[in-house]
Amino acid sequence: SRPSRIANWSYVFFVDCEGHKADATLTEVLETLEADGNTIKVLGSYPKAVL
């Protein structure tokens, strides 16, 4: 977490999760977070690398 520059006692959280933004489960989680009044910004969604 980092302090937000917008207001005192407001914080920004970065979350790293496994799954693609088009996956139904992850989409449901993101929609639930937004419904609770959170602002969501996806910084990237990449396919899993196979080694």
PDB file of N, CA and C in Angstrom:
ATOM      1  N   SER A   1       0.840  -1.182   0.000  1.00  0.00           N
ATOM      2  CA  SER A   1       0.000   0.000   0.000  1.00  0.00           C
ATOM      3  C   SER A   1       0.881   1.239   0.000  1.00  0.00           C
ATOM      4  N   ARG A   2       0.328   2.298  -0.514  1.00  0.00           N
ATOM      5  CA  ARG A   2       1.019   3.582  -0.554  1.00  0.00           C
ATOM      6  C   ARG A   2       0.009   4.675  -0.228  1.00  0.00           C
ATOM      7  N   PRO A   3       0.450   5.729   0.411  1.00  0.00           N
ATOM      8  CA  PRO A   3      -0.466   6.846   0.655  1.00  0.00           C
ATOM      9  C   PRO A   3      -0.923   7.459  -0.673  1.00  0.00           C
ATOM     10  N   SER A   4      -2.173   7.805  -0.738  1.00  0.00           N
ATOM     11  CA  SER A   4      -2.719   8.464  -1.918  1.00  0.00           C
ATOM     12  C   SER A   4      -2.351   9.936  -1.888  1.00  0.00           C
ATOM     13  N   ARG A   5      -2.171  10.513  -3.030  1.00  0.00           N
ATOM     14  CA  ARG A   5      -1.874  11.949  -3.100  1.00  0.00           C
ATOM     15  C   ARG A   5      -3.154  12.782  -3.095  1.00  0.00           C
ATOM     16  N   ILE A   6      -4.294  12.107  -3.117  1.00  0.00           N
ATOM     17  CA  ILE A   6      -5.578  12.798  -3.224  1.00  0.00           C
ATOM     18  C   ILE A   6      -6.056  13.340  -1.884  1.00  0.00           C
ATOM     19  N   ALA A   7      -5.947  12.527  -0.825  1.00  0.00           N
ATOM     20  CA  ALA A   7      -6.476  12.939   0.475  1.00  0.00           C
ATOM     21  C   ALA A   7      -5.673  12.293   1.599  1.00  0.00           C
ATOM     22  N   ASN A   8      -5.687  12.939   2.746  1.00  0.00           N
ATOM     23  CA  ASN A   8      -5.049  12.352   3.918  1.00  0.00           C
ATOM     24  C   ASN A   8      -5.771  11.072   4.318  1.00  0.00           C
ATOM     25  N   TRP A   9      -5.040  10.113   4.794  1.00  0.00           N
ATOM     26  CA  TRP A   9      -5.550   8.834   5.261  1.00  0.00           C
ATOM     27  C   TRP A   9      -6.239   8.035   4.155  1.00  0.00           C
ATOM     28  N   SER A  10      -5.886   8.320   2.921  1.00  0.00           N
ATOM     29  CA  SER A  10      -6.381   7.572   1.774  1.00  0.00           C
ATOM     30  C   SER A  10      -5.195   6.812   1.181  1.00  0.00           C
ATOM     31  N   TYR A  11      -5.403   5.539   0.866  1.00  0.00           N
ATOM     32  CA  TYR A  11      -4.294   4.705   0.422  1.00  0.00           C
ATOM     33  C   TYR A  11      -4.584   4.038  -0.914  1.00  0.00           C
ATOM     34  N   VAL A  12      -3.517   3.710  -1.625  1.00  0.00           N
ATOM     35  CA  VAL A  12      -3.575   2.981  -2.883  1.00  0.00           C
ATOM     36  C   VAL A  12      -2.983   1.598  -2.625  1.00  0.00           C
ATOM     37  N   PHE A  13      -3.671   0.560  -3.068  1.00  0.00           N
ATOM     38  CA  PHE A  13      -3.193  -0.806  -2.888  1.00  0.00           C
ATOM     39  C   PHE A  13      -2.913  -1.430  -4.247  1.00  0.00           C
ATOM     40  N   PHE A  14      -1.784  -2.095  -4.350  1.00  0.00           N
ATOM     41  CA  PHE A  14      -1.427  -2.839  -5.551  1.00  0.00           C
ATOM     42  C   PHE A  14      -1.610  -4.318  -5.244  1.00  0.00           C
ATOM     43  N   VAL A  15      -2.312  -5.020  -6.143  1.00  0.00           N
ATOM     44  CA  VAL A  15      -2.599  -6.436  -5.937  1.00  0.00           C
ATOM     45  C   VAL A  15      -2.119  -7.205  -7.161  1.00  0.00           C
ATOM     46  N   ASP A  16      -1.367  -8.256  -6.917  1.00  0.00           N
ATOM     47  CA  ASP A  16      -0.906  -9.146  -7.980  1.00  0.00           C
ATOM     48  C   ASP A  16      -1.674 -10.450  -7.828  1.00  0.00           C
ATOM     49  N   CYS A  17      -2.340 -10.887  -8.886  1.00  0.00           N
ATOM     50  CA  CYS A  17      -3.117 -12.118  -8.779  1.00  0.00           C
ATOM     51  C   CYS A  17      -2.877 -12.999  -9.996  1.00  0.00           C
ATOM     52  N   GLU A  18      -3.211 -14.257  -9.839  1.00  0.00           N
ATOM     53  CA  GLU A  18      -3.039 -15.220 -10.912  1.00  0.00           C
ATOM     54  C   GLU A  18      -4.364 -15.376 -11.643  1.00  0.00           C
ATOM     55  N   GLY A  19      -4.324 -15.296 -12.963  1.00  0.00           N
ATOM     56  CA  GLY A  19      -5.523 -15.399 -13.782  1.00  0.00           C
ATOM     57  C   GLY A  19      -5.554 -14.280 -14.801  1.00  0.00           C
ATOM     58  N   HIS A  20      -6.332 -14.454 -15.845  1.00  0.00           N
ATOM     59  CA  HIS A  20      -6.461 -13.442 -16.893  1.00  0.00           C
ATOM     60  C   HIS A  20      -7.681 -12.592 -16.602  1.00  0.00           C
ATOM     61  N   LYS A  21      -7.626 -11.324 -16.984  1.00  0.00           N
ATOM     62  CA  LYS A  21      -8.746 -10.424 -16.680  1.00  0.00           C
ATOM     63  C   LYS A  21     -10.045 -10.861 -17.352  1.00  0.00           C
ATOM     64  N   ALA A  22      -9.953 -11.728 -18.370  1.00  0.00           N
ATOM     65  CA  ALA A  22     -11.153 -12.229 -19.039  1.00  0.00           C
ATOM     66  C   ALA A  22     -11.720 -13.480 -18.368  1.00  0.00           C
ATOM     67  N   ASP A  23     -10.986 -14.067 -17.406  1.00  0.00           N
ATOM     68  CA  ASP A  23     -11.482 -15.241 -16.685  1.00  0.00           C
ATOM     69  C   ASP A  23     -12.715 -14.861 -15.875  1.00  0.00           C
ATOM     70  N   ALA A  24     -13.702 -15.731 -15.881  1.00  0.00           N
ATOM     71  CA  ALA A  24     -14.965 -15.443 -15.191  1.00  0.00           C
ATOM     72  C   ALA A  24     -14.763 -15.197 -13.698  1.00  0.00           C
ATOM     73  N   THR A  25     -13.923 -15.996 -13.059  1.00  0.00           N
ATOM     74  CA  THR A  25     -13.717 -15.849 -11.611  1.00  0.00           C
ATOM     75  C   THR A  25     -13.068 -14.519 -11.279  1.00  0.00           C
ATOM     76  N   LEU A  26     -12.023 -14.166 -12.008  1.00  0.00           N
ATOM     77  CA  LEU A  26     -11.327 -12.908 -11.747  1.00  0.00           C
ATOM     78  C   LEU A  26     -12.215 -11.714 -12.093  1.00  0.00           C
ATOM     79  N   THR A  27     -12.978 -11.821 -13.160  1.00  0.00           N
ATOM     80  CA  THR A  27     -13.904 -10.753 -13.535  1.00  0.00           C
ATOM     81  C   THR A  27     -14.925 -10.520 -12.423  1.00  0.00           C
ATOM     82  N   GLU A  28     -15.430 -11.607 -11.836  1.00  0.00           N
ATOM     83  CA  GLU A  28     -16.403 -11.492 -10.744  1.00  0.00           C
ATOM     84  C   GLU A  28     -15.790 -10.796  -9.528  1.00  0.00           C
ATOM     85  N   VAL A  29     -14.556 -11.150  -9.204  1.00  0.00           N
ATOM     86  CA  VAL A  29     -13.871 -10.523  -8.064  1.00  0.00           C
ATOM     87  C   VAL A  29     -13.683  -9.028  -8.312  1.00  0.00           C
ATOM     88  N   LEU A  30     -13.222  -8.661  -9.501  1.00  0.00           N
ATOM     89  CA  LEU A  30     -13.006  -7.248  -9.819  1.00  0.00           C
ATOM     90  C   LEU A  30     -14.318  -6.469  -9.780  1.00  0.00           C
ATOM     91  N   GLU A  31     -15.390  -7.064 -10.296  1.00  0.00           N
ATOM     92  CA  GLU A  31     -16.697  -6.399 -10.272  1.00  0.00           C
ATOM     93  C   GLU A  31     -17.200  -6.225  -8.840  1.00  0.00           C
ATOM     94  N   THR A  32     -16.944  -7.208  -7.984  1.00  0.00           N
ATOM     95  CA  THR A  32     -17.348  -7.109  -6.580  1.00  0.00           C
ATOM     96  C   THR A  32     -16.602  -5.980  -5.884  1.00  0.00           C
ATOM     97  N   LEU A  33     -15.310  -5.873  -6.139  1.00  0.00           N
ATOM     98  CA  LEU A  33     -14.520  -4.790  -5.547  1.00  0.00           C
ATOM     99  C   LEU A  33     -15.024  -3.425  -6.010  1.00  0.00           C
ATOM    100  N   GLU A  34     -15.345  -3.309  -7.300  1.00  0.00           N
ATOM    101  CA  GLU A  34     -15.867  -2.039  -7.822  1.00  0.00           C
ATOM    102  C   GLU A  34     -17.234  -1.725  -7.228  1.00  0.00           C
ATOM    103  N   ALA A  35     -18.067  -2.750  -7.032  1.00  0.00           N
ATOM    104  CA  ALA A  35     -19.403  -2.540  -6.469  1.00  0.00           C
ATOM    105  C   ALA A  35     -19.325  -2.026  -5.034  1.00  0.00           C
ATOM    106  N   ASP A  36     -18.233  -2.341  -4.350  1.00  0.00           N
ATOM    107  CA  ASP A  36     -18.034  -1.865  -2.974  1.00  0.00           C
ATOM    108  C   ASP A  36     -17.487  -0.446  -2.934  1.00  0.00           C
ATOM    109  N   GLY A  37     -17.361   0.183  -4.097  1.00  0.00           N
ATOM    110  CA  GLY A  37     -16.926   1.580  -4.136  1.00  0.00           C
ATOM    111  C   GLY A  37     -15.443   1.777  -4.390  1.00  0.00           C
ATOM    112  N   ASN A  38     -14.745   0.712  -4.749  1.00  0.00           N
ATOM    113  CA  ASN A  38     -13.316   0.812  -5.032  1.00  0.00           C
ATOM    114  C   ASN A  38     -13.078   1.144  -6.496  1.00  0.00           C
ATOM    115  N   THR A  39     -12.032   1.873  -6.772  1.00  0.00           N
ATOM    116  CA  THR A  39     -11.624   2.142  -8.143  1.00  0.00           C
ATOM    117  C   THR A  39     -10.587   1.099  -8.529  1.00  0.00           C
ATOM    118  N   ILE A  40     -10.822   0.404  -9.638  1.00  0.00           N
ATOM    119  CA  ILE A  40      -9.935  -0.663 -10.092  1.00  0.00           C
ATOM    120  C   ILE A  40      -9.268  -0.228 -11.389  1.00  0.00           C
ATOM    121  N   LYS A  41      -7.963  -0.390 -11.452  1.00  0.00           N
ATOM    122  CA  LYS A  41      -7.224  -0.125 -12.682  1.00  0.00           C
ATOM    123  C   LYS A  41      -6.328  -1.333 -12.932  1.00  0.00           C
ATOM    124  N   VAL A  42      -6.561  -2.039 -14.039  1.00  0.00           N
ATOM    125  CA  VAL A  42      -5.746  -3.201 -14.389  1.00  0.00           C
ATOM    126  C   VAL A  42      -4.507  -2.683 -15.109  1.00  0.00           C
ATOM    127  N   LEU A  43      -3.344  -2.944 -14.534  1.00  0.00           N
ATOM    128  CA  LEU A  43      -2.088  -2.463 -15.111  1.00  0.00           C
ATOM    129  C   LEU A  43      -1.549  -3.407 -16.175  1.00  0.00           C
ATOM    130  N   GLY A  44      -2.010  -4.635 -16.172  1.00  0.00           N
ATOM    131  CA  GLY A  44      -1.572  -5.600 -17.177  1.00  0.00           C
ATOM    132  C   GLY A  44      -2.229  -6.941 -16.948  1.00  0.00           C
ATOM    133  N   SER A  45      -2.403  -7.689 -18.025  1.00  0.00           N
ATOM    134  CA  SER A  45      -2.949  -9.036 -17.946  1.00  0.00           C
ATOM    135  C   SER A  45      -2.250  -9.838 -19.032  1.00  0.00           C
ATOM    136  N   TYR A  46      -1.449 -10.806 -18.608  1.00  0.00           N
ATOM    137  CA  TYR A  46      -0.576 -11.507 -19.540  1.00  0.00           C
ATOM    138  C   TYR A  46      -0.815 -13.003 -19.476  1.00  0.00           C
ATOM    139  N   PRO A  47      -0.610 -13.700 -20.614  1.00  0.00           N
ATOM    140  CA  PRO A  47      -0.748 -15.157 -20.586  1.00  0.00           C
ATOM    141  C   PRO A  47       0.356 -15.780 -19.741  1.00  0.00           C
ATOM    142  N   LYS A  48       0.051 -16.931 -19.175  1.00  0.00           N
ATOM    143  CA  LYS A  48       1.020 -17.645 -18.349  1.00  0.00           C
ATOM    144  C   LYS A  48       2.117 -18.213 -19.244  1.00  0.00           C
ATOM    145  N   ALA A  49       3.361 -18.010 -18.861  1.00  0.00           N
ATOM    146  CA  ALA A  49       4.489 -18.519 -19.637  1.00  0.00           C
ATOM    147  C   ALA A  49       4.687 -20.002 -19.342  1.00  0.00           C
ATOM    148  N   VAL A  50       4.947 -20.761 -20.373  1.00  0.00           N
ATOM    149  CA  VAL A  50       5.235 -22.181 -20.218  1.00  0.00           C
ATOM    150  C   VAL A  50       6.727 -22.362 -20.436  1.00  0.00           C
ATOM    151  N   LEU A  51       7.386 -22.908 -19.427  1.00  0.00           N
ATOM    152  CA  LEU A  51       8.838 -23.109 -19.521  1.00  0.00           C
ATOM    153  C   LEU A  51       9.176 -24.547 -19.792  1.00  0.00           C
TER     154      LEU A  51
END
